[in-house]
Structure formats: C-alpha cells, structure tokens
C-alpha cells in the first residue's frame, strides 16, 4: 500500500489535505468511486486468530474506517455486526464466499463490490470465477514469505487475461479481466 498512502485520494480518505497527484492517484481515485460494499478476509480486519475473545477489537482503522459502506468480513467465528462512524458497518460472515457476495450484492445495488483481500480471499473468488476485474498494484520490493496470490490457480484456464498494465510513480498497475 506504499503506492497508495502518499496520494491525494488516500489523504482525503482520512480527512487530510494535500497528497500527490499523478498516475497512482488517478488509479487510487478510480478504485474508490462507485463502491457499494467491501468483502474482506478476517486477517484484513485484524490480527486475532481463533474465536473472538470479545468484541473490543474494531479493526485496524480506529473509530472511522475508510470503507464508508457495508463491509463483509469472512470468518469461521460468529460475531455481531460492528457499526462504525462514517457509514462502515462490519458484518461477519461465517457461511462462505458465496454468502458474503450475496449479502454484498443486496446492499450494493448497481454499485461495485470490492474484494479487499487478503490473498486467500482473492484466490477463492478468482477460483470461483466471481471477480470481473482485478487491479494489482505491483511494487518493486522483496516481500519474503508472503502468501502467494495465484498459488494453485491457472488464470487463463479460469478465463482471465491481462487487459493492460500502466507504470505509475510507485507501482505498476496491472488489470486482469475475466473474458
């Protein structure tokens, strides 16, 4: 996300001013418009593993997350919805990716649904052919032991192809679409 944080779009999302304009900011702004819902894997919500010890953890973002729409968190453990400032309500979905997508569609209407990661969540939706377009921001860094995004997938066999790639200031933006 180091490509995203310096952008004007990122700064505005957290109530800040300024920020860089340019190619990266253009893609950041485009990725945030017309969103109606988000779907996240549990690790994107927080570092807690196993059953929820309590409802104290409210996510990485503080009192006002940057999602501003209903957000569906995939988990194996039930938890009541978490209503936050700014329009974000976290809904915890225990019955799989299809259920999360149905719930997201119900609230998003004609607007877009964003799959916010992590890698296992994106991989499950790709495997099921449920992602129309995937925007990857590739940074020239060595990650170490990160989780492989495409592990076990043959994207061409699943009907996906690279539509375009654009070099930004801090990342190369690769767009993969389902045929």
N, C-alpha and C. Protein backbone atom coordinates (compact mmCIF):
# COMPACT_ATOMS: atom_id res chain seq x y z
N UNK A 1 0.81 -1.21 0.00
CA UNK A 1 0.00 0.00 0.00
C UNK A 1 0.85 1.26 0.00
N UNK A 2 2.16 1.11 -0.02
CA UNK A 2 3.03 2.29 -0.03
C UNK A 2 2.84 3.14 -1.28
N UNK A 3 2.30 2.60 -2.34
CA UNK A 3 1.99 3.41 -3.52
C UNK A 3 0.77 4.29 -3.26
N UNK A 4 -0.14 3.81 -2.41
CA UNK A 4 -1.43 4.45 -2.18
C UNK A 4 -1.36 5.57 -1.14
N UNK A 5 -0.65 5.35 -0.06
CA UNK A 5 -0.66 6.29 1.07
C UNK A 5 -0.26 7.72 0.73
N UNK A 6 0.71 7.98 -0.16
CA UNK A 6 1.08 9.37 -0.46
C UNK A 6 0.09 10.10 -1.38
N UNK A 7 -0.90 9.40 -1.94
CA UNK A 7 -1.79 10.02 -2.91
C UNK A 7 -2.77 11.00 -2.26
N UNK A 8 -3.24 11.94 -3.06
CA UNK A 8 -4.27 12.88 -2.61
C UNK A 8 -5.52 12.11 -2.18
N UNK A 9 -5.88 11.08 -2.93
CA UNK A 9 -7.06 10.27 -2.60
C UNK A 9 -6.93 9.65 -1.22
N UNK A 10 -5.79 9.06 -0.92
CA UNK A 10 -5.57 8.43 0.38
C UNK A 10 -5.65 9.45 1.51
N UNK A 11 -4.99 10.58 1.32
CA UNK A 11 -5.00 11.63 2.36
C UNK A 11 -6.43 12.12 2.63
N UNK A 12 -7.21 12.32 1.56
CA UNK A 12 -8.58 12.80 1.71
C UNK A 12 -9.45 11.79 2.44
N UNK A 13 -9.18 10.50 2.26
CA UNK A 13 -9.99 9.46 2.90
C UNK A 13 -9.90 9.51 4.41
N UNK A 14 -8.80 10.02 4.94
CA UNK A 14 -8.62 10.10 6.39
C UNK A 14 -8.72 11.54 6.89
N UNK A 15 -9.31 12.42 6.07
CA UNK A 15 -9.54 13.80 6.48
C UNK A 15 -8.33 14.70 6.33
N UNK A 16 -7.32 14.25 5.63
CA UNK A 16 -6.12 15.06 5.44
C UNK A 16 -6.20 15.91 4.19
N UNK A 17 -5.20 16.74 4.03
CA UNK A 17 -5.11 17.60 2.84
C UNK A 17 -3.83 17.29 2.10
N UNK A 18 -3.76 17.79 0.88
CA UNK A 18 -2.55 17.63 0.09
C UNK A 18 -2.48 16.23 -0.49
N UNK A 19 -1.26 15.77 -0.69
CA UNK A 19 -1.04 14.47 -1.29
C UNK A 19 -0.66 14.60 -2.74
N UNK A 20 -0.07 13.56 -3.24
CA UNK A 20 0.43 13.57 -4.61
C UNK A 20 -0.68 13.32 -5.61
N UNK A 21 -0.56 13.96 -6.75
CA UNK A 21 -1.43 13.68 -7.88
C UNK A 21 -0.59 12.93 -8.90
N UNK A 22 -1.18 12.43 -9.91
CA UNK A 22 -0.43 11.71 -10.94
C UNK A 22 -1.12 10.39 -11.24
N UNK A 23 -0.36 9.48 -11.83
CA UNK A 23 -0.91 8.21 -12.27
C UNK A 23 -1.43 7.39 -11.10
N UNK A 24 -0.62 7.24 -10.05
CA UNK A 24 -1.05 6.45 -8.89
C UNK A 24 -2.30 7.04 -8.26
N UNK A 25 -2.36 8.36 -8.12
CA UNK A 25 -3.55 8.98 -7.55
C UNK A 25 -4.77 8.77 -8.43
N UNK A 26 -4.58 8.81 -9.74
CA UNK A 26 -5.70 8.56 -10.64
C UNK A 26 -6.29 7.17 -10.43
N UNK A 27 -5.42 6.16 -10.28
CA UNK A 27 -5.91 4.80 -10.04
C UNK A 27 -6.50 4.67 -8.64
N UNK A 28 -5.93 5.36 -7.67
CA UNK A 28 -6.48 5.34 -6.31
C UNK A 28 -7.90 5.92 -6.31
N UNK A 29 -8.07 7.07 -6.96
CA UNK A 29 -9.39 7.71 -7.01
C UNK A 29 -10.40 6.82 -7.74
N UNK A 30 -9.98 6.25 -8.85
CA UNK A 30 -10.87 5.37 -9.62
C UNK A 30 -11.29 4.16 -8.78
N UNK A 31 -10.37 3.62 -7.99
CA UNK A 31 -10.67 2.42 -7.21
C UNK A 31 -11.61 2.70 -6.05
N UNK A 32 -11.75 3.95 -5.66
CA UNK A 32 -12.60 4.28 -4.52
C UNK A 32 -13.98 4.79 -4.91
N UNK A 33 -14.20 5.06 -6.20
CA UNK A 33 -15.51 5.61 -6.57
C UNK A 33 -16.49 4.50 -6.90
N UNK A 34 -17.75 4.81 -6.73
CA UNK A 34 -18.87 3.93 -7.08
C UNK A 34 -18.84 2.60 -6.33
N UNK A 35 -18.30 2.60 -5.13
CA UNK A 35 -18.29 1.35 -4.37
C UNK A 35 -19.55 1.27 -3.51
N UNK A 36 -20.12 0.07 -3.48
CA UNK A 36 -21.33 -0.15 -2.71
C UNK A 36 -21.14 -1.08 -1.53
N UNK A 37 -20.05 -1.88 -1.55
CA UNK A 37 -19.76 -2.81 -0.46
C UNK A 37 -18.33 -3.31 -0.61
N UNK A 38 -17.79 -3.78 0.49
CA UNK A 38 -16.47 -4.42 0.50
C UNK A 38 -16.62 -5.82 1.06
N UNK A 39 -15.72 -6.71 0.63
CA UNK A 39 -15.59 -8.04 1.24
C UNK A 39 -14.12 -8.18 1.63
N UNK A 40 -13.89 -8.60 2.87
CA UNK A 40 -12.52 -8.76 3.39
C UNK A 40 -12.36 -10.14 4.01
N UNK A 41 -11.15 -10.66 3.94
CA UNK A 41 -10.81 -11.82 4.75
C UNK A 41 -10.62 -11.36 6.19
N UNK A 42 -10.69 -12.30 7.09
CA UNK A 42 -10.59 -11.95 8.51
C UNK A 42 -9.27 -11.28 8.85
N UNK A 43 -8.18 -11.71 8.23
CA UNK A 43 -6.88 -11.11 8.54
C UNK A 43 -6.82 -9.65 8.14
N UNK A 44 -7.62 -9.24 7.18
CA UNK A 44 -7.68 -7.82 6.81
C UNK A 44 -8.41 -7.01 7.87
N UNK A 45 -9.24 -7.66 8.66
CA UNK A 45 -9.95 -6.96 9.73
C UNK A 45 -9.07 -6.83 10.97
N UNK A 46 -8.28 -7.84 11.27
CA UNK A 46 -7.46 -7.76 12.46
C UNK A 46 -6.59 -8.97 12.68
N UNK A 47 -5.69 -8.89 13.66
CA UNK A 47 -4.70 -9.93 13.89
C UNK A 47 -5.17 -11.08 14.79
N UNK A 48 -6.40 -11.05 15.23
CA UNK A 48 -6.89 -12.04 16.19
C UNK A 48 -7.20 -13.34 15.46
N UNK A 49 -6.69 -14.46 15.96
CA UNK A 49 -6.94 -15.77 15.37
C UNK A 49 -7.84 -16.58 16.30
N UNK A 50 -8.57 -17.51 15.72
CA UNK A 50 -9.44 -18.36 16.52
C UNK A 50 -10.70 -17.62 16.92
N UNK A 51 -11.39 -18.14 17.93
CA UNK A 51 -12.63 -17.48 18.39
C UNK A 51 -12.35 -16.05 18.85
N UNK A 52 -13.33 -15.18 18.67
CA UNK A 52 -13.20 -13.80 19.13
C UNK A 52 -13.18 -13.82 20.66
N UNK A 53 -12.15 -13.28 21.30
CA UNK A 53 -12.14 -13.28 22.76
C UNK A 53 -13.19 -12.33 23.33
N UNK A 54 -13.50 -11.27 22.60
CA UNK A 54 -14.51 -10.29 22.97
C UNK A 54 -14.75 -9.42 21.74
N UNK A 55 -15.57 -8.39 21.89
CA UNK A 55 -15.86 -7.51 20.76
C UNK A 55 -15.06 -6.22 20.81
N UNK A 56 -14.00 -6.19 21.64
CA UNK A 56 -13.23 -4.96 21.80
C UNK A 56 -12.49 -4.54 20.53
N UNK A 57 -11.89 -5.51 19.82
CA UNK A 57 -11.15 -5.16 18.60
C UNK A 57 -12.14 -4.73 17.53
N UNK A 58 -11.92 -3.55 16.97
CA UNK A 58 -12.84 -2.98 15.98
C UNK A 58 -12.15 -2.77 14.63
N UNK A 59 -10.98 -3.37 14.45
CA UNK A 59 -10.27 -3.24 13.18
C UNK A 59 -9.05 -2.35 13.32
N UNK A 60 -8.28 -2.31 12.24
CA UNK A 60 -7.01 -1.58 12.21
C UNK A 60 -7.20 -0.06 12.14
N UNK A 61 -8.40 0.44 11.89
CA UNK A 61 -8.60 1.81 11.41
C UNK A 61 -9.02 2.81 12.44
N UNK A 62 -9.29 2.43 13.65
CA UNK A 62 -9.82 3.38 14.62
C UNK A 62 -11.33 3.48 14.49
N UNK A 63 -11.89 4.57 15.00
CA UNK A 63 -13.35 4.72 15.08
C UNK A 63 -14.04 4.94 13.74
N UNK A 64 -13.28 5.44 12.74
CA UNK A 64 -13.90 5.73 11.45
C UNK A 64 -13.10 5.09 10.32
N UNK A 65 -13.41 3.83 10.00
CA UNK A 65 -12.70 3.14 8.92
C UNK A 65 -12.92 3.83 7.58
N UNK A 66 -12.03 3.60 6.66
CA UNK A 66 -12.06 4.27 5.36
C UNK A 66 -13.02 3.62 4.37
N UNK A 67 -13.74 2.58 4.75
CA UNK A 67 -14.61 1.89 3.80
C UNK A 67 -15.88 2.68 3.48
N UNK A 68 -16.55 3.22 4.47
CA UNK A 68 -17.73 4.07 4.32
C UNK A 68 -18.92 3.39 3.64
N UNK A 69 -18.92 2.08 3.61
CA UNK A 69 -20.03 1.28 3.07
C UNK A 69 -20.09 -0.01 3.89
N UNK A 70 -21.17 -0.78 3.77
CA UNK A 70 -21.19 -2.08 4.44
C UNK A 70 -20.00 -2.94 4.00
N UNK A 71 -19.37 -3.58 4.98
CA UNK A 71 -18.17 -4.37 4.74
C UNK A 71 -18.36 -5.75 5.35
N UNK A 72 -18.16 -6.78 4.55
CA UNK A 72 -18.42 -8.15 4.95
C UNK A 72 -17.10 -8.86 5.18
N UNK A 73 -16.91 -9.35 6.41
CA UNK A 73 -15.66 -9.98 6.83
C UNK A 73 -15.88 -11.49 6.89
N UNK A 74 -15.12 -12.23 6.10
CA UNK A 74 -15.20 -13.69 6.11
C UNK A 74 -14.50 -14.23 7.35
N UNK A 75 -15.17 -15.08 8.10
CA UNK A 75 -14.61 -15.63 9.33
C UNK A 75 -15.29 -16.97 9.61
N UNK A 76 -14.68 -17.74 10.48
CA UNK A 76 -15.29 -19.00 10.92
C UNK A 76 -16.01 -18.84 12.26
N UNK A 77 -15.95 -17.64 12.82
CA UNK A 77 -16.48 -17.41 14.16
C UNK A 77 -17.51 -16.28 14.16
N UNK A 78 -18.67 -16.58 14.69
CA UNK A 78 -19.75 -15.59 14.71
C UNK A 78 -19.37 -14.38 15.56
N UNK A 79 -19.94 -13.26 15.16
CA UNK A 79 -19.75 -12.01 15.88
C UNK A 79 -20.84 -11.06 15.42
N UNK A 80 -21.43 -10.28 16.33
CA UNK A 80 -22.47 -9.34 15.89
C UNK A 80 -21.88 -8.24 15.02
N UNK A 81 -22.69 -7.63 14.15
CA UNK A 81 -22.20 -6.53 13.31
C UNK A 81 -21.59 -5.41 14.16
N UNK A 82 -20.62 -4.75 13.59
CA UNK A 82 -19.92 -3.64 14.25
C UNK A 82 -20.20 -2.37 13.47
N UNK A 83 -21.02 -1.47 14.04
CA UNK A 83 -21.36 -0.21 13.38
C UNK A 83 -20.31 0.83 13.76
N UNK A 84 -19.73 1.45 12.74
CA UNK A 84 -18.66 2.42 12.96
C UNK A 84 -19.08 3.78 12.40
N UNK A 85 -18.30 4.79 12.71
CA UNK A 85 -18.55 6.13 12.15
C UNK A 85 -18.30 6.13 10.65
N UNK A 86 -18.96 7.05 9.96
CA UNK A 86 -18.67 7.26 8.54
C UNK A 86 -19.36 6.31 7.58
N UNK A 87 -20.28 5.48 8.08
CA UNK A 87 -21.04 4.62 7.19
C UNK A 87 -20.53 3.19 7.07
N UNK A 88 -19.45 2.85 7.76
CA UNK A 88 -18.96 1.47 7.72
C UNK A 88 -19.66 0.65 8.78
N UNK A 89 -20.24 -0.46 8.36
CA UNK A 89 -20.70 -1.49 9.29
C UNK A 89 -20.01 -2.78 8.88
N UNK A 90 -19.30 -3.38 9.82
CA UNK A 90 -18.67 -4.67 9.57
C UNK A 90 -19.68 -5.77 9.88
N UNK A 91 -19.92 -6.62 8.89
CA UNK A 91 -20.79 -7.78 9.05
C UNK A 91 -19.89 -9.01 8.98
N UNK A 92 -20.01 -9.91 9.91
CA UNK A 92 -19.14 -11.07 9.99
C UNK A 92 -19.87 -12.28 9.40
N UNK A 93 -19.31 -12.81 8.32
CA UNK A 93 -19.97 -13.85 7.54
C UNK A 93 -19.27 -15.18 7.80
N UNK A 94 -20.04 -16.16 8.28
CA UNK A 94 -19.46 -17.46 8.62
C UNK A 94 -19.82 -18.56 7.62
N UNK A 95 -20.63 -18.24 6.62
CA UNK A 95 -21.07 -19.30 5.70
C UNK A 95 -20.52 -19.15 4.29
N UNK A 96 -19.32 -18.60 4.15
CA UNK A 96 -18.58 -18.68 2.91
C UNK A 96 -18.64 -17.49 1.97
N UNK A 97 -17.85 -17.62 0.90
CA UNK A 97 -17.68 -16.52 -0.05
C UNK A 97 -18.95 -16.21 -0.83
N UNK A 98 -19.72 -17.24 -1.16
CA UNK A 98 -20.96 -17.01 -1.92
C UNK A 98 -21.98 -16.23 -1.09
N UNK A 99 -22.09 -16.57 0.18
CA UNK A 99 -23.00 -15.85 1.07
C UNK A 99 -22.55 -14.40 1.23
N UNK A 100 -21.25 -14.18 1.41
CA UNK A 100 -20.75 -12.80 1.55
C UNK A 100 -21.06 -12.00 0.29
N UNK A 101 -20.89 -12.62 -0.87
CA UNK A 101 -21.17 -11.92 -2.13
C UNK A 101 -22.66 -11.62 -2.27
N UNK A 102 -23.52 -12.56 -1.92
CA UNK A 102 -24.97 -12.32 -1.98
C UNK A 102 -25.36 -11.15 -1.08
N UNK A 103 -24.82 -11.14 0.14
CA UNK A 103 -25.13 -10.05 1.07
C UNK A 103 -24.60 -8.72 0.56
N UNK A 104 -23.40 -8.74 0.00
CA UNK A 104 -22.83 -7.50 -0.56
C UNK A 104 -23.66 -7.00 -1.73
N UNK A 105 -24.09 -7.91 -2.60
CA UNK A 105 -24.92 -7.51 -3.74
C UNK A 105 -26.24 -6.89 -3.28
N UNK A 106 -26.80 -7.44 -2.22
CA UNK A 106 -28.08 -6.93 -1.72
C UNK A 106 -27.98 -5.48 -1.27
N UNK A 107 -26.84 -5.08 -0.72
CA UNK A 107 -26.70 -3.69 -0.25
C UNK A 107 -26.07 -2.78 -1.29
N UNK A 108 -25.28 -3.34 -2.21
CA UNK A 108 -24.56 -2.51 -3.19
C UNK A 108 -25.44 -2.05 -4.33
N UNK A 109 -26.49 -2.80 -4.63
CA UNK A 109 -27.31 -2.44 -5.78
C UNK A 109 -26.49 -2.48 -7.04
N UNK A 110 -26.49 -1.38 -7.81
CA UNK A 110 -25.75 -1.30 -9.08
C UNK A 110 -24.29 -0.88 -8.89
N UNK A 111 -23.93 -0.53 -7.66
CA UNK A 111 -22.55 -0.09 -7.41
C UNK A 111 -21.60 -1.29 -7.31
N UNK A 112 -20.32 -1.01 -7.35
CA UNK A 112 -19.30 -2.06 -7.33
C UNK A 112 -19.11 -2.68 -5.95
N UNK A 113 -18.68 -3.91 -5.97
CA UNK A 113 -18.29 -4.62 -4.75
C UNK A 113 -16.78 -4.83 -4.84
N UNK A 114 -16.06 -4.43 -3.82
CA UNK A 114 -14.61 -4.56 -3.78
C UNK A 114 -14.24 -5.77 -2.92
N UNK A 115 -13.34 -6.58 -3.43
CA UNK A 115 -12.76 -7.67 -2.64
C UNK A 115 -11.44 -7.11 -2.13
N UNK A 116 -11.36 -6.84 -0.85
CA UNK A 116 -10.20 -6.14 -0.30
C UNK A 116 -9.08 -7.03 0.17
N UNK A 117 -9.14 -8.31 -0.06
CA UNK A 117 -8.04 -9.19 0.35
C UNK A 117 -8.34 -9.85 1.66
N UNK A 118 -7.39 -10.55 2.15
CA UNK A 118 -6.07 -10.83 1.69
C UNK A 118 -6.02 -11.82 0.52
N UNK A 119 -4.80 -12.36 0.36
CA UNK A 119 -4.53 -13.21 -0.79
C UNK A 119 -5.45 -14.43 -0.84
N UNK A 120 -5.69 -15.09 0.27
CA UNK A 120 -6.55 -16.29 0.27
C UNK A 120 -7.97 -15.94 -0.15
N UNK A 121 -8.47 -14.80 0.27
CA UNK A 121 -9.82 -14.38 -0.10
C UNK A 121 -9.90 -14.10 -1.60
N UNK A 122 -8.95 -13.35 -2.13
CA UNK A 122 -8.93 -13.05 -3.55
C UNK A 122 -8.82 -14.35 -4.35
N UNK A 123 -7.95 -15.25 -3.91
CA UNK A 123 -7.75 -16.52 -4.60
C UNK A 123 -9.05 -17.33 -4.66
N UNK A 124 -9.80 -17.37 -3.57
CA UNK A 124 -11.07 -18.10 -3.55
C UNK A 124 -12.06 -17.52 -4.55
N UNK A 125 -12.16 -16.21 -4.61
CA UNK A 125 -13.08 -15.57 -5.55
C UNK A 125 -12.63 -15.75 -7.00
N UNK A 126 -11.32 -15.71 -7.26
CA UNK A 126 -10.82 -15.99 -8.60
C UNK A 126 -11.14 -17.42 -9.01
N UNK A 127 -10.87 -18.37 -8.13
CA UNK A 127 -11.12 -19.79 -8.41
C UNK A 127 -12.58 -20.03 -8.77
N UNK A 128 -13.47 -19.30 -8.11
CA UNK A 128 -14.91 -19.45 -8.36
C UNK A 128 -15.38 -18.63 -9.57
N UNK A 129 -14.47 -17.86 -10.18
CA UNK A 129 -14.84 -17.04 -11.33
C UNK A 129 -15.74 -15.87 -10.97
N UNK A 130 -15.62 -15.38 -9.74
CA UNK A 130 -16.52 -14.35 -9.25
C UNK A 130 -15.92 -12.94 -9.26
N UNK A 131 -14.71 -12.81 -9.76
CA UNK A 131 -14.09 -11.48 -9.90
C UNK A 131 -14.14 -11.09 -11.37
N UNK A 132 -14.73 -9.94 -11.65
CA UNK A 132 -14.81 -9.43 -13.02
C UNK A 132 -13.50 -8.78 -13.44
N UNK A 133 -12.94 -7.97 -12.54
CA UNK A 133 -11.68 -7.27 -12.83
C UNK A 133 -10.84 -7.22 -11.57
N UNK A 134 -9.56 -7.48 -11.71
CA UNK A 134 -8.62 -7.44 -10.60
C UNK A 134 -7.56 -6.40 -10.91
N UNK A 135 -7.44 -5.42 -10.01
CA UNK A 135 -6.41 -4.38 -10.14
C UNK A 135 -5.29 -4.74 -9.17
N UNK A 136 -4.14 -5.06 -9.71
CA UNK A 136 -2.97 -5.33 -8.89
C UNK A 136 -2.02 -4.15 -8.97
N UNK A 137 -1.58 -3.66 -7.84
CA UNK A 137 -0.56 -2.62 -7.79
C UNK A 137 0.72 -3.32 -7.37
N UNK A 138 1.64 -3.48 -8.31
CA UNK A 138 2.87 -4.24 -8.09
C UNK A 138 4.00 -3.28 -7.77
N UNK A 139 4.62 -3.48 -6.61
CA UNK A 139 5.73 -2.63 -6.17
C UNK A 139 7.03 -3.40 -6.26
N UNK A 140 8.11 -2.73 -6.59
CA UNK A 140 9.40 -3.42 -6.69
C UNK A 140 10.07 -3.61 -5.33
N UNK A 141 9.51 -4.51 -4.53
CA UNK A 141 10.08 -4.83 -3.22
C UNK A 141 10.12 -6.35 -3.07
N UNK A 142 11.04 -6.82 -2.24
CA UNK A 142 11.10 -8.24 -1.93
C UNK A 142 10.32 -8.45 -0.65
N UNK A 143 9.32 -9.32 -0.71
CA UNK A 143 8.41 -9.49 0.42
C UNK A 143 8.82 -10.54 1.43
N UNK A 144 9.59 -11.51 1.04
CA UNK A 144 9.91 -12.58 1.98
C UNK A 144 8.89 -13.70 1.86
N UNK A 145 8.24 -14.04 2.94
CA UNK A 145 7.36 -15.21 2.98
C UNK A 145 5.89 -14.91 2.75
N UNK A 146 5.55 -13.89 2.05
CA UNK A 146 4.15 -13.56 1.84
C UNK A 146 3.35 -14.72 1.26
N UNK A 147 2.06 -14.62 1.37
CA UNK A 147 1.17 -15.65 0.85
C UNK A 147 1.02 -15.47 -0.66
N UNK A 148 1.21 -16.54 -1.44
CA UNK A 148 1.11 -16.41 -2.90
C UNK A 148 -0.33 -16.14 -3.35
N UNK A 149 -0.51 -15.09 -4.11
CA UNK A 149 -1.84 -14.71 -4.57
C UNK A 149 -2.41 -15.70 -5.57
N UNK A 150 -1.58 -16.19 -6.48
CA UNK A 150 -2.07 -17.06 -7.55
C UNK A 150 -1.73 -18.53 -7.34
N UNK A 151 -1.26 -18.90 -6.15
CA UNK A 151 -0.87 -20.28 -5.88
C UNK A 151 -1.99 -21.27 -6.21
N UNK A 152 -1.68 -22.23 -7.08
CA UNK A 152 -2.64 -23.27 -7.44
C UNK A 152 -3.67 -22.86 -8.48
N UNK A 153 -3.57 -21.64 -9.00
CA UNK A 153 -4.54 -21.16 -10.00
C UNK A 153 -3.91 -21.12 -11.38
N UNK A 154 -4.70 -21.45 -12.39
CA UNK A 154 -4.32 -21.23 -13.79
C UNK A 154 -5.31 -20.18 -14.30
N UNK A 155 -4.90 -18.92 -14.26
CA UNK A 155 -5.83 -17.83 -14.58
C UNK A 155 -6.37 -17.92 -16.00
N UNK A 156 -5.53 -18.31 -16.94
CA UNK A 156 -6.03 -18.45 -18.32
C UNK A 156 -7.10 -19.52 -18.40
N UNK A 157 -6.88 -20.63 -17.75
CA UNK A 157 -7.87 -21.71 -17.75
C UNK A 157 -9.18 -21.25 -17.10
N UNK A 158 -9.08 -20.36 -16.14
CA UNK A 158 -10.26 -19.83 -15.46
C UNK A 158 -10.94 -18.70 -16.25
N UNK A 159 -10.35 -18.33 -17.38
CA UNK A 159 -10.96 -17.32 -18.24
C UNK A 159 -10.49 -15.90 -18.00
N UNK A 160 -9.35 -15.74 -17.35
CA UNK A 160 -8.81 -14.41 -17.07
C UNK A 160 -7.66 -14.09 -18.01
N UNK A 161 -7.49 -12.79 -18.30
CA UNK A 161 -6.39 -12.33 -19.13
C UNK A 161 -5.98 -10.94 -18.66
N UNK A 162 -4.70 -10.60 -18.87
CA UNK A 162 -4.24 -9.25 -18.56
C UNK A 162 -4.80 -8.32 -19.62
N UNK A 163 -5.55 -7.32 -19.17
CA UNK A 163 -6.14 -6.35 -20.09
C UNK A 163 -5.15 -5.24 -20.41
N UNK A 164 -4.45 -4.76 -19.37
CA UNK A 164 -3.48 -3.68 -19.57
C UNK A 164 -2.60 -3.56 -18.35
N UNK A 165 -1.49 -2.86 -18.51
CA UNK A 165 -0.64 -2.51 -17.37
C UNK A 165 -0.11 -1.10 -17.61
N UNK A 166 0.01 -0.36 -16.52
CA UNK A 166 0.42 1.05 -16.59
C UNK A 166 1.43 1.30 -15.48
N UNK A 167 2.56 1.90 -15.83
CA UNK A 167 3.55 2.27 -14.82
C UNK A 167 3.13 3.56 -14.14
N UNK A 168 3.04 3.50 -12.82
CA UNK A 168 2.76 4.69 -12.02
C UNK A 168 4.04 5.19 -11.37
N UNK A 169 3.88 6.14 -10.45
CA UNK A 169 5.04 6.70 -9.76
C UNK A 169 5.69 5.69 -8.81
N UNK A 170 4.88 4.88 -8.13
CA UNK A 170 5.40 3.95 -7.13
C UNK A 170 5.01 2.50 -7.38
N UNK A 171 4.16 2.25 -8.37
CA UNK A 171 3.70 0.89 -8.64
C UNK A 171 3.38 0.74 -10.12
N UNK A 172 3.40 -0.51 -10.57
CA UNK A 172 2.88 -0.84 -11.88
C UNK A 172 1.48 -1.40 -11.66
N UNK A 173 0.53 -0.82 -12.34
CA UNK A 173 -0.88 -1.20 -12.17
C UNK A 173 -1.24 -2.19 -13.27
N UNK A 174 -1.60 -3.40 -12.86
CA UNK A 174 -1.93 -4.49 -13.78
C UNK A 174 -3.41 -4.79 -13.61
N UNK A 175 -4.13 -4.83 -14.73
CA UNK A 175 -5.57 -5.09 -14.71
C UNK A 175 -5.85 -6.42 -15.39
N UNK A 176 -6.41 -7.34 -14.63
CA UNK A 176 -6.75 -8.68 -15.10
C UNK A 176 -8.27 -8.75 -15.17
N UNK A 177 -8.79 -9.17 -16.32
CA UNK A 177 -10.25 -9.24 -16.51
C UNK A 177 -10.67 -10.65 -16.88
N UNK A 178 -11.88 -10.96 -16.49
CA UNK A 178 -12.49 -12.24 -16.88
C UNK A 178 -13.11 -12.07 -18.25
N UNK A 179 -12.80 -12.99 -19.16
CA UNK A 179 -13.33 -12.93 -20.52
C UNK A 179 -14.82 -13.24 -20.55
